[in-house]
């Protein structure tokens, strides 16, 4: 009898253990649909997790996760993952030709009929992710701007006032150098920083801003014209104030140099604000790009930076489109503005900025001549692309292998090899 009791008990124990395994498995198996969203913004990981938590909380069947890739590797990684079928469901897209190439390659859904509210976005933002026939493939998420960060205590130490003009800015650079200060935390190893930040931020005040950019696209101006040469010359004037070893200083190194207090100023993007706030121990100020002469209207590069598209080969396109519809909402826009200072949404509505420097940056846009990066639209649609050539030319200029005139001629020659300007915009 004991034998049979033992067998019954043993059987019960086995059933119990088996049941426990099933319960445990179910406890750790997430039945939610997981959507991946990828971006080149590694610095935004924690902020994006907080933003996505709001969406995930109100959408019980979906879990959206943020999986960024290092910025310098993002484009190649994304292209490879889309080709081999492992791409994320939702994709951060750069504006104009980089994003358009992905759509033209057949990897993105058209959004016109699936994302209501896009018609309320500014035309200037929508067109950055729209084909010539009006197909929208990306929801505009945010724009960024450029300017100069500085340490307030150092300015106070030397009695320096925030400069309005280029000559006043150059006087500050000379004064700081004479006093053995490292003037600018700028490098030339990550070449994109020279074009996308330094030239695009400071240059418009000298080449004529948005009007000249449009004339360049129309073929009515060239980079070898005096106005554009003037901009190249001004950027070249920064060379004496770059730090020792700047040729080997990359983007992260530049940030660290400024944040650690080892340079007084840093020509940076509004996207740098979050990490500066997080890591800098001193009081940081900011001022917009200096104009050529007092009284000039500020030409302000406010670049259409990021949109989001849906991977056409996603296994969960319905859920991805649901999420994309949320990105058009004021709730999403408000979360972006709150958690990622220095990024500015295009979503119609009023949003409160709590960070004083973020507010300064957007205030500078009021009444300014708003433009975008010089060769980003149309002029980089084919190879050799204007963006790539601008990167190369500026490195050559700031390492004394090109004069400003040669740098401009190098880019213009490459554009002349393929670019036929469009007249009707």
Protein backbone atom coordinates (compact mmCIF):
# COMPACT_ATOMS: atom_id res chain seq x y z
CA UNK A 1 0.00 0.00 0.00
CA UNK A 2 2.81 2.34 0.86
CA UNK A 3 4.21 1.64 -2.60
CA UNK A 4 1.04 2.89 -4.26
CA UNK A 5 0.82 5.91 -1.94
CA UNK A 6 4.39 6.81 -2.86
CA UNK A 7 3.61 6.49 -6.56
CA UNK A 8 0.52 8.70 -6.17
CA UNK A 9 2.47 11.30 -4.19
CA UNK A 10 5.31 11.14 -6.69
CA UNK A 11 2.83 11.60 -9.50
CA UNK A 12 1.28 14.59 -7.78
CA UNK A 13 4.75 16.11 -7.26
CA UNK A 14 5.61 15.63 -10.94
CA UNK A 15 2.32 17.27 -11.96
CA UNK A 16 2.98 20.08 -9.49
CA UNK A 17 6.48 20.68 -10.84
CA UNK A 18 5.21 20.52 -14.43
CA UNK A 19 2.44 23.00 -13.58
CA UNK A 20 4.95 25.23 -11.83
CA UNK A 21 7.15 25.25 -14.92
CA UNK A 22 4.18 26.25 -17.08
CA UNK A 23 3.22 29.05 -14.68
CA UNK A 24 6.82 30.23 -14.47
CA UNK A 25 7.17 30.18 -18.26
CA UNK A 26 3.97 32.19 -18.66
CA UNK A 27 5.12 34.63 -15.99
CA UNK A 28 8.27 35.38 -17.98
CA UNK A 29 6.79 35.19 -21.47
CA UNK A 30 5.64 38.56 -22.71
CA UNK A 31 2.61 38.05 -24.88
CA UNK A 32 2.76 41.69 -25.97
CA UNK A 33 3.76 42.58 -29.51
CA UNK A 34 7.20 44.13 -29.35
CA UNK A 35 7.98 47.00 -31.68
CA UNK A 36 11.54 48.19 -32.13
CA UNK A 37 12.36 51.80 -32.96
CA UNK A 38 15.89 52.66 -34.01
CA UNK A 39 17.76 55.98 -34.12
CA UNK A 40 21.26 57.45 -34.30
CA UNK A 41 20.66 59.21 -30.97
CA UNK A 42 22.44 57.05 -28.37
CA UNK A 43 22.38 59.95 -25.89
CA UNK A 44 18.59 59.91 -25.85
CA UNK A 45 18.21 56.31 -24.64
CA UNK A 46 17.01 57.11 -21.12
CA UNK A 47 14.75 59.94 -22.25
CA UNK A 48 13.20 57.82 -24.98
CA UNK A 49 12.53 55.04 -22.51
CA UNK A 50 10.56 57.49 -20.36
CA UNK A 51 8.65 58.74 -23.40
CA UNK A 52 7.86 55.26 -24.66
CA UNK A 53 6.75 54.18 -21.18
CA UNK A 54 3.83 56.59 -21.51
CA UNK A 55 2.72 54.96 -24.75
CA UNK A 56 3.28 51.42 -23.51
CA UNK A 57 1.24 52.07 -20.38
CA UNK A 58 -1.82 53.07 -22.41
CA UNK A 59 -1.42 50.33 -25.03
CA UNK A 60 -1.52 47.08 -23.12
CA UNK A 61 -0.93 44.82 -26.12
CA UNK A 62 2.21 46.55 -27.38
CA UNK A 63 5.68 47.17 -26.00
CA UNK A 64 7.75 49.70 -27.96
CA UNK A 65 11.50 49.53 -27.25
CA UNK A 66 14.20 52.00 -28.26
CA UNK A 67 17.29 50.47 -29.87
CA UNK A 68 19.68 53.22 -31.00
CA UNK A 69 22.89 52.73 -32.97
CA UNK A 70 26.08 54.80 -32.79
CA UNK A 71 25.56 57.79 -35.10
CA UNK A 72 28.61 57.15 -37.28
CA UNK A 73 27.48 53.55 -37.88
CA UNK A 74 23.74 54.16 -38.12
CA UNK A 75 23.26 54.58 -41.86
CA UNK A 76 25.27 51.48 -42.78
CA UNK A 77 23.68 49.38 -40.02
CA UNK A 78 20.17 50.43 -40.99
CA UNK A 79 20.73 49.71 -44.69
CA UNK A 80 22.13 46.27 -43.94
CA UNK A 81 19.36 45.37 -41.51
CA UNK A 82 16.65 46.42 -43.97
CA UNK A 83 18.21 44.38 -46.75
CA UNK A 84 18.57 41.23 -44.65
CA UNK A 85 15.09 41.54 -43.12
CA UNK A 86 16.14 42.29 -39.54
CA UNK A 87 15.37 46.01 -39.61
CA UNK A 88 13.45 47.74 -36.84
CA UNK A 89 9.70 48.27 -37.18
CA UNK A 90 10.02 52.05 -36.80
CA UNK A 91 12.96 53.95 -38.20
CA UNK A 92 14.34 57.41 -37.47
CA UNK A 93 15.00 59.04 -40.84
CA UNK A 94 17.38 61.83 -41.70
CA UNK A 95 15.84 64.55 -43.84
CA UNK A 96 15.85 64.83 -47.62
CA UNK A 97 18.10 62.48 -49.64
CA UNK A 98 19.26 60.09 -46.85
CA UNK A 99 15.66 59.32 -45.89
CA UNK A 100 14.42 59.48 -49.48
CA UNK A 101 16.97 56.84 -50.53
CA UNK A 102 15.44 54.40 -48.05
CA UNK A 103 11.95 55.06 -49.39
CA UNK A 104 13.06 54.79 -53.02
CA UNK A 105 14.69 51.45 -52.19
CA UNK A 106 11.26 50.11 -51.25
CA UNK A 107 11.70 49.83 -47.48
CA UNK A 108 9.14 52.36 -46.19
CA UNK A 109 5.37 52.63 -46.15
CA UNK A 110 3.59 55.61 -47.69
CA UNK A 111 1.77 57.40 -44.88
CA UNK A 112 -0.63 59.84 -46.55
CA UNK A 113 -3.75 57.75 -45.91
CA UNK A 114 -2.73 56.18 -42.60
CA UNK A 115 -1.54 59.09 -40.43
CA UNK A 116 -4.18 61.82 -40.07
CA UNK A 117 -2.93 65.23 -38.97
CA UNK A 118 0.17 65.44 -41.15
CA UNK A 119 -1.50 68.19 -43.17
CA UNK A 120 -1.25 70.44 -40.10
CA UNK A 121 2.55 70.31 -40.04
CA UNK A 122 4.51 73.15 -41.66
CA UNK A 123 5.32 72.61 -45.35
CA UNK A 124 8.99 73.22 -44.56
CA UNK A 125 8.99 70.20 -42.28
CA UNK A 126 6.79 67.87 -44.34
CA UNK A 127 8.75 68.30 -47.55
CA UNK A 128 11.87 66.87 -45.92
CA UNK A 129 10.15 63.44 -45.98
CA UNK A 130 7.95 63.82 -49.06
CA UNK A 131 8.54 62.73 -52.66
CA UNK A 132 8.08 65.01 -55.64
CA UNK A 133 4.62 63.54 -56.28
CA UNK A 134 3.48 64.22 -52.71
CA UNK A 135 3.99 60.81 -51.09
CA UNK A 136 4.83 61.26 -47.39
CA UNK A 137 7.08 58.53 -45.98
CA UNK A 138 8.12 60.07 -42.65
CA UNK A 139 6.42 61.94 -39.81
CA UNK A 140 8.44 65.07 -38.94
CA UNK A 141 9.57 64.64 -35.34
CA UNK A 142 11.97 67.45 -34.51
CA UNK A 143 14.37 70.09 -35.72
CA UNK A 144 17.65 71.26 -34.23
CA UNK A 145 19.70 74.40 -34.28
CA UNK A 146 23.27 75.56 -33.79
CA UNK A 147 25.12 78.10 -31.69
CA UNK A 148 27.94 78.61 -29.23
CA UNK A 149 28.07 77.32 -25.66
CA UNK A 150 30.37 79.06 -23.18
CA UNK A 151 31.30 79.11 -19.51
CA UNK A 152 29.81 82.10 -17.76
CA UNK A 153 32.43 82.25 -15.01
CA UNK A 154 35.27 82.52 -17.54
CA UNK A 155 33.49 85.27 -19.44
CA UNK A 156 32.98 87.07 -16.13
CA UNK A 157 36.63 86.59 -15.16
CA UNK A 158 37.78 88.46 -18.26
CA UNK A 159 34.91 90.94 -18.39
CA UNK A 160 33.63 89.45 -21.64
CA UNK A 161 30.19 90.33 -22.95
CA UNK A 162 28.27 87.98 -25.23
CA UNK A 163 29.24 89.01 -28.78
CA UNK A 164 26.75 90.06 -31.42
CA UNK A 165 29.16 90.45 -34.35
CA UNK A 166 31.90 88.31 -35.84
CA UNK A 167 34.60 90.89 -35.07
CA UNK A 168 33.56 90.93 -31.41
CA UNK A 169 33.67 87.11 -31.39
CA UNK A 170 37.17 87.14 -32.89
CA UNK A 171 38.27 89.67 -30.23
CA UNK A 172 37.06 87.26 -27.53
CA UNK A 173 38.96 84.39 -29.13
CA UNK A 174 42.17 86.45 -29.23
CA UNK A 175 41.76 87.59 -25.62
CA UNK A 176 41.26 84.05 -24.37
CA UNK A 177 44.23 82.73 -26.33
CA UNK A 178 46.47 85.52 -25.05
CA UNK A 179 45.52 84.42 -21.54
CA UNK A 180 46.52 80.80 -22.27
CA UNK A 181 42.93 79.54 -22.33
CA UNK A 182 41.84 76.78 -24.71
CA UNK A 183 39.39 78.78 -26.76
CA UNK A 184 37.26 76.30 -28.71
CA UNK A 185 36.49 72.64 -28.13
CA UNK A 186 36.42 71.80 -31.83
CA UNK A 187 38.01 68.94 -33.73
CA UNK A 188 38.43 67.69 -37.27
CA UNK A 189 38.30 63.91 -36.86
CA UNK A 190 34.51 63.53 -37.22
CA UNK A 191 34.29 65.61 -40.35
CA UNK A 192 30.49 65.97 -40.20
CA UNK A 193 30.86 68.31 -37.23
CA UNK A 194 32.74 70.83 -39.39
CA UNK A 195 30.03 71.00 -42.02
CA UNK A 196 26.80 70.20 -40.18
CA UNK A 197 27.61 72.24 -37.09
CA UNK A 198 30.35 74.81 -37.67
CA UNK A 199 29.79 75.82 -41.30
CA UNK A 200 26.02 75.30 -41.26
CA UNK A 201 25.69 77.17 -37.97
CA UNK A 202 28.02 80.09 -38.58
CA UNK A 203 28.14 80.29 -42.37
CA UNK A 204 24.63 81.53 -43.26
CA UNK A 205 25.32 84.95 -41.73
CA UNK A 206 28.04 85.43 -44.37
CA UNK A 207 26.75 83.76 -47.52
CA UNK A 208 23.28 85.29 -47.37
CA UNK A 209 21.14 82.77 -45.50
CA UNK A 210 18.07 81.11 -46.95
CA UNK A 211 17.89 83.31 -50.04
CA UNK A 212 21.39 82.31 -51.13
CA UNK A 213 20.77 78.65 -50.33
CA UNK A 214 17.75 78.64 -52.61
CA UNK A 215 19.64 80.47 -55.35
CA UNK A 216 22.36 77.85 -55.06
CA UNK A 217 19.77 75.10 -55.64
CA UNK A 218 18.35 77.02 -58.60
CA UNK A 219 21.76 77.34 -60.20
CA UNK A 220 21.65 81.11 -59.89
CA UNK A 221 24.54 81.15 -57.40
CA UNK A 222 27.62 78.98 -57.01
CA UNK A 223 29.74 78.14 -54.00
CA UNK A 224 32.57 79.96 -55.76
CA UNK A 225 30.64 83.25 -55.64
CA UNK A 226 32.04 85.91 -53.27
CA UNK A 227 29.27 85.45 -50.68
CA UNK A 228 30.00 81.76 -50.19
CA UNK A 229 33.77 82.34 -50.32
CA UNK A 230 33.23 84.86 -47.52
CA UNK A 231 31.66 82.11 -45.38
CA UNK A 232 34.55 79.72 -46.03
CA UNK A 233 37.02 82.46 -45.08
CA UNK A 234 35.26 83.16 -41.79
CA UNK A 235 35.35 79.49 -40.81
CA UNK A 236 39.04 79.36 -41.70
CA UNK A 237 39.62 82.24 -39.26
CA UNK A 238 38.79 79.84 -36.42
CA UNK A 239 41.89 77.76 -37.06
CA UNK A 240 44.28 79.62 -34.67
CA UNK A 241 41.79 79.05 -31.85
CA UNK A 242 41.35 75.32 -32.24
CA UNK A 243 42.88 73.15 -29.51
CA UNK A 244 46.19 71.36 -29.77
CA UNK A 245 45.69 68.05 -31.50
CA UNK A 246 42.35 69.10 -32.97
CA UNK A 247 42.94 67.00 -36.10
CA UNK A 248 42.47 63.87 -33.97
CA UNK A 249 39.64 65.18 -31.82
CA UNK A 250 36.28 63.49 -32.51
CA UNK A 251 32.74 64.48 -31.58
CA UNK A 252 32.77 62.75 -28.19
CA UNK A 253 36.20 64.17 -27.44
CA UNK A 254 34.96 67.67 -28.24
CA UNK A 255 31.99 67.26 -25.92
CA UNK A 256 34.20 65.91 -23.16
CA UNK A 257 36.73 68.71 -23.58
CA UNK A 258 34.04 71.32 -23.08
CA UNK A 259 32.06 69.50 -20.39
CA UNK A 260 35.22 68.91 -18.34
CA UNK A 261 35.95 72.64 -18.46
CA UNK A 262 39.08 72.31 -20.58
CA UNK A 263 37.82 74.77 -23.19
CA UNK A 264 35.90 78.01 -22.79
CA UNK A 265 33.58 77.73 -25.81
CA UNK A 266 32.06 75.02 -27.93
CA UNK A 267 30.33 75.47 -31.29
CA UNK A 268 27.63 72.86 -30.92
CA UNK A 269 24.14 71.78 -31.74
CA UNK A 270 21.05 72.17 -29.64
CA UNK A 271 21.14 68.35 -29.36
CA UNK A 272 24.23 68.68 -27.15
CA UNK A 273 22.24 70.47 -24.48
CA UNK A 274 21.01 67.37 -22.68
CA UNK A 275 24.44 65.86 -22.11
CA UNK A 276 25.94 69.23 -21.20
CA UNK A 277 23.23 69.72 -18.58
CA UNK A 278 23.78 66.23 -17.24
CA UNK A 279 27.56 66.30 -16.95
CA UNK A 280 28.83 69.87 -16.72
CA UNK A 281 29.53 71.12 -13.19
CA UNK A 282 29.70 74.80 -14.11
CA UNK A 283 27.16 77.34 -15.30
CA UNK A 284 26.90 77.22 -19.08
CA UNK A 285 25.65 80.01 -21.33
CA UNK A 286 24.77 80.07 -25.02
CA UNK A 287 24.61 82.65 -27.79
CA UNK A 288 23.49 82.49 -31.43
CA UNK A 289 25.94 82.64 -34.37
CA UNK A 290 27.45 86.16 -34.57
CA UNK A 291 26.29 88.29 -37.48
CA UNK A 292 28.70 90.05 -39.84
CA UNK A 293 27.97 93.57 -38.66
CA UNK A 294 25.82 95.13 -35.97
CA UNK A 295 22.19 95.47 -36.96
CA UNK A 296 22.25 92.57 -39.42
CA UNK A 297 19.35 90.14 -39.26
CA UNK A 298 20.39 86.77 -37.89
CA UNK A 299 20.45 83.96 -40.46
CA UNK A 300 19.69 81.00 -38.26
CA UNK A 301 20.16 77.38 -39.28
CA UNK A 302 17.14 75.56 -37.88
CA UNK A 303 17.56 72.20 -39.52
CA UNK A 304 14.79 69.67 -40.18
CA UNK A 305 16.59 66.84 -38.48
CA UNK A 306 14.54 63.71 -37.84
CA UNK A 307 11.40 61.99 -39.01
CA UNK A 308 10.03 58.52 -38.32
CA UNK A 309 8.96 55.99 -40.94
CA UNK A 310 7.53 52.48 -40.87
CA UNK A 311 9.50 49.51 -42.18
CA UNK A 312 7.38 48.07 -45.00
CA UNK A 313 8.60 44.59 -44.06
CA UNK A 314 7.66 44.86 -40.39
CA UNK A 315 5.57 41.94 -39.14
CA UNK A 316 3.49 44.41 -37.15
CA UNK A 317 2.70 47.26 -39.54
CA UNK A 318 -0.75 47.90 -38.02
CA UNK A 319 0.75 48.42 -34.56
CA UNK A 320 3.63 50.46 -36.00
CA UNK A 321 1.16 52.77 -37.75
CA UNK A 322 -0.80 53.09 -34.49
CA UNK A 323 2.39 54.26 -32.82
CA UNK A 324 3.16 56.66 -35.66
CA UNK A 325 -0.29 58.20 -35.28
CA UNK A 326 0.64 58.90 -31.66
CA UNK A 327 3.80 60.74 -32.76
CA UNK A 328 1.55 63.32 -34.45
CA UNK A 329 -0.14 64.09 -31.12
CA UNK A 330 0.58 66.97 -28.78
CA UNK A 331 1.16 64.42 -26.00
CA UNK A 332 4.16 62.96 -27.82
CA UNK A 333 5.42 66.41 -28.81
CA UNK A 334 5.21 67.65 -25.23
CA UNK A 335 7.15 64.64 -23.98
CA UNK A 336 9.91 65.26 -26.54
CA UNK A 337 10.20 68.91 -25.54
CA UNK A 338 10.24 68.00 -21.83
CA UNK A 339 12.59 65.03 -21.80
CA UNK A 340 14.97 65.93 -24.65
CA UNK A 341 15.81 69.65 -24.34
CA UNK A 342 17.30 71.15 -27.47
CA UNK A 343 14.97 69.28 -29.82
CA UNK A 344 12.07 71.25 -31.22
CA UNK A 345 8.87 69.66 -32.51
CA UNK A 346 6.91 70.69 -35.59
CA UNK A 347 3.61 69.55 -34.12
CA UNK A 348 1.15 72.45 -33.99
CA UNK A 349 0.55 73.59 -30.42
CA UNK A 350 2.05 75.54 -27.52
CA UNK A 351 4.69 73.83 -25.42
CA UNK A 352 6.37 75.12 -22.29
CA UNK A 353 10.16 75.03 -22.21
CA UNK A 354 11.59 74.68 -18.73
CA UNK A 355 15.27 74.81 -19.70
CA UNK A 356 16.47 78.40 -20.04
CA UNK A 357 19.04 77.65 -22.76
CA UNK A 358 16.52 75.61 -24.76
CA UNK A 359 14.23 78.63 -24.55
CA UNK A 360 17.04 80.98 -25.64
CA UNK A 361 17.64 78.83 -28.69
CA UNK A 362 14.04 78.88 -29.81
CA UNK A 363 13.69 82.57 -28.97
CA UNK A 364 16.61 83.34 -31.29
CA UNK A 365 14.52 81.99 -34.15
CA UNK A 366 11.85 84.65 -33.68
CA UNK A 367 12.27 87.23 -36.44
CA UNK A 368 15.34 85.47 -37.81
CA UNK A 369 16.02 84.38 -41.38
CA UNK A 370 15.43 80.64 -40.90
CA UNK A 371 17.44 78.32 -43.12
CA UNK A 372 18.72 74.74 -43.19
CA UNK A 373 22.11 73.16 -43.89
CA UNK A 374 23.60 74.49 -47.10
CA UNK A 375 23.78 71.46 -49.39
CA UNK A 376 21.33 69.15 -47.64
CA UNK A 377 18.37 69.61 -49.98
CA UNK A 378 18.71 68.42 -53.59
CA UNK A 379 22.47 69.03 -53.68
CA UNK A 380 23.23 65.70 -52.04
CA UNK A 381 20.80 63.55 -54.02
CA UNK A 382 23.54 61.94 -56.11
CA UNK A 383 27.26 61.23 -55.89
CA UNK A 384 29.45 63.06 -55.32
CA UNK A 385 27.03 64.55 -52.80
CA UNK A 386 27.32 68.09 -51.56
CA UNK A 387 27.29 67.05 -47.90
CA UNK A 388 30.14 64.58 -48.38
CA UNK A 389 32.18 67.09 -50.35
CA UNK A 390 31.59 69.85 -47.81
CA UNK A 391 32.90 67.53 -45.10
CA UNK A 392 36.04 66.80 -47.11
CA UNK A 393 36.62 70.38 -48.20
CA UNK A 394 36.39 71.81 -44.69
CA UNK A 395 38.87 69.28 -43.30
CA UNK A 396 41.28 70.12 -46.10
CA UNK A 397 40.84 73.85 -45.42
CA UNK A 398 41.29 73.59 -41.67
CA UNK A 399 44.42 71.50 -42.10
CA UNK A 400 45.88 74.01 -44.62
CA UNK A 401 45.73 71.76 -47.68
CA UNK A 402 43.00 73.96 -49.23
CA UNK A 403 42.54 77.69 -49.21
CA UNK A 404 38.94 78.86 -48.72
CA UNK A 405 38.74 79.44 -52.47
CA UNK A 406 40.01 75.94 -53.22
CA UNK A 407 37.60 74.40 -50.72
CA UNK A 408 34.64 76.10 -52.39
CA UNK A 409 35.88 75.20 -55.88
CA UNK A 410 36.29 71.54 -54.89
CA UNK A 411 32.64 71.25 -53.86
CA UNK A 412 31.32 73.25 -56.80
CA UNK A 413 33.29 71.16 -59.31
CA UNK A 414 31.78 67.98 -57.88
CA UNK A 415 28.26 69.42 -58.05
CA UNK A 416 28.81 70.59 -61.63
CA UNK A 417 29.53 66.98 -62.62
CA UNK A 418 25.90 65.95 -62.08
CA UNK A 419 23.60 68.57 -60.66
CA UNK A 420 21.00 70.12 -62.92
CA UNK A 421 19.17 72.76 -60.87
CA UNK A 422 15.43 72.66 -60.62
CA UNK A 423 13.74 75.98 -61.26
CA UNK A 424 10.26 75.26 -59.92
CA UNK A 425 10.32 74.47 -56.18
